[in-house]
PDB file of N, CA and C in Angstrom:
ATOM      1  N   MET A   1       2.626 123.091  25.007  1.00  0.00           N
ATOM      2  CA  MET A   1       1.963 122.499  26.207  1.00  0.00           C
ATOM      3  C   MET A   1       2.737 122.943  27.395  1.00  0.00           C
ATOM      4  N   MET A   2       4.165 122.836  27.324  1.00  0.00           N
ATOM      5  CA  MET A   2       4.721 123.440  28.383  1.00  0.00           C
ATOM      6  C   MET A   2       4.307 124.919  28.833  1.00  0.00           C
ATOM      7  N   LEU A   3       4.233 125.716  27.839  1.00  0.00           N
ATOM      8  CA  LEU A   3       3.698 127.183  28.213  1.00  0.00           C
ATOM      9  C   LEU A   3       2.376 127.127  28.709  1.00  0.00           C
ATOM     10  N   GLN A   4       1.363 126.302  28.390  1.00  0.00           N
ATOM     11  CA  GLN A   4       0.151 126.157  29.210  1.00  0.00           C
ATOM     12  C   GLN A   4       0.321 125.775  30.686  1.00  0.00           C
ATOM     13  N   ILE A   5       1.242 125.000  30.953  1.00  0.00           N
ATOM     14  CA  ILE A   5       1.508 124.479  32.283  1.00  0.00           C
ATOM     15  C   ILE A   5       2.088 125.718  33.126  1.00  0.00           C
ATOM     16  N   ARG A   6       3.027 126.338  32.679  1.00  0.00           N
ATOM     17  CA  ARG A   6       3.725 127.329  33.305  1.00  0.00           C
ATOM     18  C   ARG A   6       3.232 128.712  33.191  1.00  0.00           C
ATOM     19  N   TYR A   7       2.305 128.986  32.244  1.00  0.00           N
ATOM     20  CA  TYR A   7       1.588 130.362  32.084  1.00  0.00           C
ATOM     21  C   TYR A   7       0.165 130.316  32.124  1.00  0.00           C
ATOM     22  N   GLY A   8      -0.469 129.041  31.920  1.00  0.00           N
ATOM     23  CA  GLY A   8      -1.866 128.959  31.662  1.00  0.00           C
ATOM     24  C   GLY A   8      -2.688 129.206  32.955  1.00  0.00           C
ATOM     25  N   PRO A   9      -4.064 129.159  32.652  1.00  0.00           N
ATOM     26  CA  PRO A   9      -4.986 129.534  33.794  1.00  0.00           C
ATOM     27  C   PRO A   9      -4.704 128.574  35.012  1.00  0.00           C
ATOM     28  N   GLY A  10      -4.717 129.289  36.218  1.00  0.00           N
ATOM     29  CA  GLY A  10      -4.452 128.915  37.466  1.00  0.00           C
ATOM     30  C   GLY A  10      -3.064 128.282  37.776  1.00  0.00           C
ATOM     31  N   SER A  11      -2.165 128.730  36.872  1.00  0.00           N
ATOM     32  CA  SER A  11      -0.546 128.317  37.056  1.00  0.00           C
ATOM     33  C   SER A  11      -0.039 129.172  38.172  1.00  0.00           C
ATOM     34  N   LEU A  12      -0.663 130.080  38.751  1.00  0.00           N
ATOM     35  CA  LEU A  12       0.055 131.136  39.716  1.00  0.00           C
ATOM     36  C   LEU A  12      -0.943 131.202  41.177  1.00  0.00           C
ATOM     37  N   LYS A  13      -0.163 131.467  42.074  1.00  0.00           N
ATOM     38  CA  LYS A  13      -1.047 131.662  43.392  1.00  0.00           C
ATOM     39  C   LYS A  13      -1.012 133.272  43.385  1.00  0.00           C
ATOM     40  N   ILE A  14      -2.114 133.938  44.159  1.00  0.00           N
ATOM     41  CA  ILE A  14      -2.174 135.341  44.138  1.00  0.00           C
ATOM     42  C   ILE A  14      -0.893 135.903  44.578  1.00  0.00           C
ATOM     43  N   TYR A  15      -0.213 135.474  45.674  1.00  0.00           N
ATOM     44  CA  TYR A  15       0.944 136.133  46.049  1.00  0.00           C
ATOM     45  C   TYR A  15       2.166 136.257  45.077  1.00  0.00           C
ATOM     46  N   GLN A  16       1.979 135.322  43.765  1.00  0.00           N
ATOM     47  CA  GLN A  16       3.011 135.383  42.876  1.00  0.00           C
ATOM     48  C   GLN A  16       2.544 136.561  41.846  1.00  0.00           C
ATOM     49  N   CYS A  17       1.512 137.118  41.802  1.00  0.00           N
ATOM     50  CA  CYS A  17       1.023 138.199  40.937  1.00  0.00           C
ATOM     51  C   CYS A  17       1.865 139.324  40.804  1.00  0.00           C
ATOM     52  N   PRO A  18       2.324 140.040  41.921  1.00  0.00           N
ATOM     53  CA  PRO A  18       3.035 141.134  41.733  1.00  0.00           C
ATOM     54  C   PRO A  18       4.354 141.068  41.122  1.00  0.00           C
ATOM     55  N   SER A  19       5.141 139.874  41.329  1.00  0.00           N
ATOM     56  CA  SER A  19       6.422 139.618  40.603  1.00  0.00           C
ATOM     57  C   SER A  19       6.291 139.347  39.155  1.00  0.00           C
ATOM     58  N   GLU A  20       5.200 138.459  38.715  1.00  0.00           N
ATOM     59  CA  GLU A  20       4.948 138.128  37.550  1.00  0.00           C
ATOM     60  C   GLU A  20       4.428 139.347  36.787  1.00  0.00           C
ATOM     61  N   CYS A  21       3.773 140.247  37.273  1.00  0.00           N
ATOM     62  CA  CYS A  21       3.383 141.647  36.490  1.00  0.00           C
ATOM     63  C   CYS A  21       4.582 142.542  36.524  1.00  0.00           C
ATOM     64  N   ALA A  22       5.568 142.562  37.593  1.00  0.00           N
ATOM     65  CA  ALA A  22       6.622 143.461  37.376  1.00  0.00           C
ATOM     66  C   ALA A  22       7.334 142.864  36.147  1.00  0.00           C
ATOM     67  N   ARG A  23       7.499 141.566  35.922  1.00  0.00           N
ATOM     68  CA  ARG A  23       8.236 141.145  34.703  1.00  0.00           C
ATOM     69  C   ARG A  23       7.414 141.370  33.548  1.00  0.00           C
ATOM     70  N   ARG A  24       6.108 141.135  33.467  1.00  0.00           N
ATOM     71  CA  ARG A  24       5.325 141.752  32.379  1.00  0.00           C
ATOM     72  C   ARG A  24       5.465 143.121  31.874  1.00  0.00           C
ATOM     73  N   CYS A  25       5.510 143.893  32.776  1.00  0.00           N
ATOM     74  CA  CYS A  25       5.269 145.362  32.676  1.00  0.00           C
ATOM     75  C   CYS A  25       6.715 146.058  32.597  1.00  0.00           C
ATOM     76  N   LYS A  26       7.802 145.310  32.695  1.00  0.00           N
ATOM     77  CA  LYS A  26       9.171 145.777  32.825  1.00  0.00           C
ATOM     78  C   LYS A  26       9.684 146.692  31.756  1.00  0.00           C
ATOM     79  N   GLN A  27       9.188 146.538  30.436  1.00  0.00           N
ATOM     80  CA  GLN A  27       9.567 147.364  29.516  1.00  0.00           C
ATOM     81  C   GLN A  27       8.558 148.426  28.882  1.00  0.00           C
ATOM     82  N   THR A  28       7.293 148.522  29.514  1.00  0.00           N
ATOM     83  CA  THR A  28       6.536 149.599  29.049  1.00  0.00           C
ATOM     84  C   THR A  28       6.802 150.916  29.621  1.00  0.00           C
ATOM     85  N   GLN A  29       6.254 151.963  28.942  1.00  0.00           N
ATOM     86  CA  GLN A  29       6.582 153.295  29.454  1.00  0.00           C
ATOM     87  C   GLN A  29       5.250 153.648  30.366  1.00  0.00           C
ATOM     88  N   TYR A  30       4.322 152.706  30.385  1.00  0.00           N
ATOM     89  CA  TYR A  30       3.052 153.127  31.093  1.00  0.00           C
ATOM     90  C   TYR A  30       2.966 151.991  32.300  1.00  0.00           C
ATOM     91  N   LYS A  31       4.147 152.137  33.160  1.00  0.00           N
ATOM     92  CA  LYS A  31       4.240 151.125  34.146  1.00  0.00           C
ATOM     93  C   LYS A  31       3.224 151.193  35.266  1.00  0.00           C
ATOM     94  N   LYS A  32       2.849 152.228  35.665  1.00  0.00           N
ATOM     95  CA  LYS A  32       1.816 152.241  36.657  1.00  0.00           C
ATOM     96  C   LYS A  32       0.438 151.586  36.375  1.00  0.00           C
ATOM     97  N   ALA A  33       0.117 152.140  35.034  1.00  0.00           N
ATOM     98  CA  ALA A  33      -1.288 151.539  34.522  1.00  0.00           C
ATOM     99  C   ALA A  33      -0.990 149.974  34.319  1.00  0.00           C
ATOM    100  N   CYS A  34       0.046 149.667  33.635  1.00  0.00           N
ATOM    101  CA  CYS A  34       0.263 148.279  33.291  1.00  0.00           C
ATOM    102  C   CYS A  34       0.356 147.297  34.591  1.00  0.00           C
ATOM    103  N   LEU A  35       0.897 147.844  35.581  1.00  0.00           N
ATOM    104  CA  LEU A  35       0.864 147.053  36.812  1.00  0.00           C
ATOM    105  C   LEU A  35      -0.512 146.847  37.637  1.00  0.00           C
ATOM    106  N   THR A  36      -1.162 147.999  37.569  1.00  0.00           N
ATOM    107  CA  THR A  36      -2.569 148.095  38.072  1.00  0.00           C
ATOM    108  C   THR A  36      -3.484 147.024  37.350  1.00  0.00           C
ATOM    109  N   PHE A  37      -3.584 147.010  36.090  1.00  0.00           N
ATOM    110  CA  PHE A  37      -4.452 146.210  35.317  1.00  0.00           C
ATOM    111  C   PHE A  37      -3.881 144.701  35.332  1.00  0.00           C
ATOM    112  N   CYS A  38      -2.685 144.525  35.185  1.00  0.00           N
ATOM    113  CA  CYS A  38      -1.973 143.215  35.078  1.00  0.00           C
ATOM    114  C   CYS A  38      -2.259 142.568  36.495  1.00  0.00           C
ATOM    115  N   ASN A  39      -2.104 143.350  37.688  1.00  0.00           N
ATOM    116  CA  ASN A  39      -2.394 142.717  38.854  1.00  0.00           C
ATOM    117  C   ASN A  39      -4.114 142.398  39.074  1.00  0.00           C
ATOM    118  N   LYS A  40      -4.915 143.161  38.617  1.00  0.00           N
ATOM    119  CA  LYS A  40      -6.251 142.790  38.539  1.00  0.00           C
ATOM    120  C   LYS A  40      -6.476 141.530  37.696  1.00  0.00           C
ATOM    121  N   CYS A  41      -5.968 141.596  36.699  1.00  0.00           N
ATOM    122  CA  CYS A  41      -6.253 140.570  35.695  1.00  0.00           C
ATOM    123  C   CYS A  41      -5.699 139.069  36.425  1.00  0.00           C
ATOM    124  N   CYS A  42      -4.332 139.303  36.740  1.00  0.00           N
ATOM    125  CA  CYS A  42      -3.701 138.089  37.594  1.00  0.00           C
ATOM    126  C   CYS A  42      -4.633 137.422  38.713  1.00  0.00           C
ATOM    127  N   ASN A  43      -5.079 138.442  39.528  1.00  0.00           N
ATOM    128  CA  ASN A  43      -5.902 138.104  40.670  1.00  0.00           C
ATOM    129  C   ASN A  43      -7.053 137.274  40.353  1.00  0.00           C
ATOM    130  N   LYS A  44      -7.752 137.537  39.269  1.00  0.00           N
ATOM    131  CA  LYS A  44      -8.853 136.957  38.654  1.00  0.00           C
ATOM    132  C   LYS A  44      -8.432 135.695  37.973  1.00  0.00           C
ATOM    133  N   CYS A  45      -7.427 135.632  37.118  1.00  0.00           N
ATOM    134  CA  CYS A  45      -7.314 134.630  36.281  1.00  0.00           C
ATOM    135  C   CYS A  45      -6.191 133.751  36.778  1.00  0.00           C
ATOM    136  N   LEU A  46      -5.337 134.045  37.746  1.00  0.00           N
ATOM    137  CA  LEU A  46      -4.252 133.346  38.330  1.00  0.00           C
ATOM    138  C   LEU A  46      -3.183 132.875  37.184  1.00  0.00           C
ATOM    139  N   CYS A  47      -2.910 133.811  36.233  1.00  0.00           N
ATOM    140  CA  CYS A  47      -1.852 133.578  35.144  1.00  0.00           C
ATOM    141  C   CYS A  47      -1.492 135.005  34.608  1.00  0.00           C
ATOM    142  N   VAL A  48      -0.283 135.130  34.157  1.00  0.00           N
ATOM    143  CA  VAL A  48       0.243 136.105  33.234  1.00  0.00           C
ATOM    144  C   VAL A  48       1.032 135.537  32.296  1.00  0.00           C
ATOM    145  N   PRO A  49       0.725 135.938  31.139  1.00  0.00           N
ATOM    146  CA  PRO A  49       1.216 135.413  29.821  1.00  0.00           C
ATOM    147  C   PRO A  49       2.814 135.699  29.912  1.00  0.00           C
ATOM    148  N   PRO A  50       3.543 134.982  29.149  1.00  0.00           N
ATOM    149  CA  PRO A  50       4.858 135.071  29.115  1.00  0.00           C
ATOM    150  C   PRO A  50       5.303 136.125  28.216  1.00  0.00           C
ATOM    151  N   GLY A  51       6.581 136.568  28.444  1.00  0.00           N
ATOM    152  CA  GLY A  51       7.120 137.927  27.669  1.00  0.00           C
ATOM    153  C   GLY A  51       6.550 139.129  28.270  1.00  0.00           C
ATOM    154  N   TYR A  52       6.891 140.250  27.449  1.00  0.00           N
ATOM    155  CA  TYR A  52       6.532 141.767  27.727  1.00  0.00           C
ATOM    156  C   TYR A  52       5.109 142.188  27.164  1.00  0.00           C
ATOM    157  N   TYR A  53       4.848 141.388  25.961  1.00  0.00           N
ATOM    158  CA  TYR A  53       3.849 141.707  25.204  1.00  0.00           C
ATOM    159  C   TYR A  53       3.197 140.555  24.405  1.00  0.00           C
ATOM    160  N   GLY A  54       1.964 140.483  24.128  1.00  0.00           N
ATOM    161  CA  GLY A  54       1.240 139.302  23.394  1.00  0.00           C
ATOM    162  C   GLY A  54       1.416 138.090  24.023  1.00  0.00           C
ATOM    163  N   ASN A  55       1.439 137.124  23.551  1.00  0.00           N
ATOM    164  CA  ASN A  55       1.213 135.634  24.202  1.00  0.00           C
ATOM    165  C   ASN A  55       0.102 135.389  24.867  1.00  0.00           C
ATOM    166  N   LYS A  56      -1.146 136.181  24.761  1.00  0.00           N
ATOM    167  CA  LYS A  56      -2.115 136.055  25.632  1.00  0.00           C
ATOM    168  C   LYS A  56      -2.856 134.918  25.404  1.00  0.00           C
ATOM    169  N   ALA A  57      -2.905 134.079  24.298  1.00  0.00           N
ATOM    170  CA  ALA A  57      -3.628 132.967  24.073  1.00  0.00           C
ATOM    171  C   ALA A  57      -3.293 131.834  24.950  1.00  0.00           C
ATOM    172  N   VAL A  58      -2.193 131.862  25.594  1.00  0.00           N
ATOM    173  CA  VAL A  58      -1.692 131.036  26.670  1.00  0.00           C
ATOM    174  C   VAL A  58      -2.554 131.013  27.878  1.00  0.00           C
ATOM    175  N   CYS A  59      -3.028 132.244  28.280  1.00  0.00           N
ATOM    176  CA  CYS A  59      -3.995 132.474  29.333  1.00  0.00           C
ATOM    177  C   CYS A  59      -5.336 132.974  28.858  1.00  0.00           C
ATOM    178  N   PRO A  60      -6.244 132.166  28.427  1.00  0.00           N
ATOM    179  CA  PRO A  60      -7.631 132.750  27.774  1.00  0.00           C
ATOM    180  C   PRO A  60      -8.204 133.703  28.639  1.00  0.00           C
ATOM    181  N   CYS A  61      -8.299 133.475  30.114  1.00  0.00           N
ATOM    182  CA  CYS A  61      -9.014 134.348  30.688  1.00  0.00           C
ATOM    183  C   CYS A  61      -8.469 135.833  30.734  1.00  0.00           C
ATOM    184  N   TYR A  62      -7.183 135.941  30.855  1.00  0.00           N
ATOM    185  CA  TYR A  62      -6.461 137.127  30.640  1.00  0.00           C
ATOM    186  C   TYR A  62      -6.716 137.737  29.366  1.00  0.00           C
ATOM    187  N   ASN A  63      -6.642 136.887  28.322  1.00  0.00           N
ATOM    188  CA  ASN A  63      -6.912 137.286  26.894  1.00  0.00           C
ATOM    189  C   ASN A  63      -8.310 137.786  26.558  1.00  0.00           C
ATOM    190  N   ASN A  64      -9.341 137.119  27.226  1.00  0.00           N
ATOM    191  CA  ASN A  64     -10.633 137.400  26.983  1.00  0.00           C
ATOM    192  C   ASN A  64     -11.340 138.412  27.889  1.00  0.00           C
ATOM    193  N   TRP A  65     -10.733 138.927  29.042  1.00  0.00           N
ATOM    194  CA  TRP A  65     -11.277 139.863  29.782  1.00  0.00           C
ATOM    195  C   TRP A  65     -11.230 141.363  28.969  1.00  0.00           C
ATOM    196  N   LYS A  66     -12.403 141.863  28.597  1.00  0.00           N
ATOM    197  CA  LYS A  66     -12.429 143.255  27.917  1.00  0.00           C
ATOM    198  C   LYS A  66     -12.906 144.427  28.715  1.00  0.00           C
ATOM    199  N   THR A  67     -12.628 145.578  28.185  1.00  0.00           N
ATOM    200  CA  THR A  67     -13.212 146.678  28.794  1.00  0.00           C
ATOM    201  C   THR A  67     -14.505 146.934  28.335  1.00  0.00           C
ATOM    202  N   LYS A  68     -15.259 147.874  28.855  1.00  0.00           N
ATOM    203  CA  LYS A  68     -16.732 148.052  28.305  1.00  0.00           C
ATOM    204  C   LYS A  68     -16.632 148.418  26.948  1.00  0.00           C
ATOM    205  N   GLU A  69     -15.597 148.978  26.686  1.00  0.00           N
ATOM    206  CA  GLU A  69     -15.456 149.657  25.154  1.00  0.00           C
ATOM    207  C   GLU A  69     -15.327 148.359  24.181  1.00  0.00           C
ATOM    208  N   GLY A  70     -14.719 147.280  24.729  1.00  0.00           N
ATOM    209  CA  GLY A  70     -14.512 146.144  24.018  1.00  0.00           C
ATOM    210  C   GLY A  70     -12.917 146.002  23.762  1.00  0.00           C
ATOM    211  N   GLY A  71     -12.107 146.882  24.191  1.00  0.00           N
ATOM    212  CA  GLY A  71     -10.797 146.661  24.018  1.00  0.00           C
ATOM    213  C   GLY A  71     -10.128 145.612  25.339  1.00  0.00           C
ATOM    214  N   PRO A  72      -8.840 145.214  25.152  1.00  0.00           N
ATOM    215  CA  PRO A  72      -8.357 144.386  26.068  1.00  0.00           C
ATOM    216  C   PRO A  72      -7.988 145.032  27.469  1.00  0.00           C
ATOM    217  N   LYS A  73      -8.487 144.232  28.462  1.00  0.00           N
ATOM    218  CA  LYS A  73      -8.400 144.913  29.787  1.00  0.00           C
ATOM    219  C   LYS A  73      -7.011 144.584  30.318  1.00  0.00           C
ATOM    220  N   CYS A  74      -6.342 143.573  29.935  1.00  0.00           N
ATOM    221  CA  CYS A  74      -5.133 143.018  30.648  1.00  0.00           C
ATOM    222  C   CYS A  74      -3.931 143.238  29.672  1.00  0.00           C
ATOM    223  N   PRO A  75      -2.995 143.766  30.208  1.00  0.00           N
ATOM    224  CA  PRO A  75      -1.683 144.067  29.277  1.00  0.00           C
ATOM    225  C   PRO A  75      -0.880 143.026  28.901  1.00  0.00           C
TER     226      PRO A  75
END
């Protein structure tokens, strides 16, 4: 329940997206792409899942936004 409140839909303000995406993308080797898509997703969903990878169920909008090929849009 606490994860939903802290990381769930609408838990962030748009101005918080860059720092939350920097945290989310910190360990990837594809930092530029990760930051680009994370920020798009955060601006739409107002949430970024905890950790560096996975945990997307906490933020359903972030989890369910797909590319036209059906893959995940949000890192």
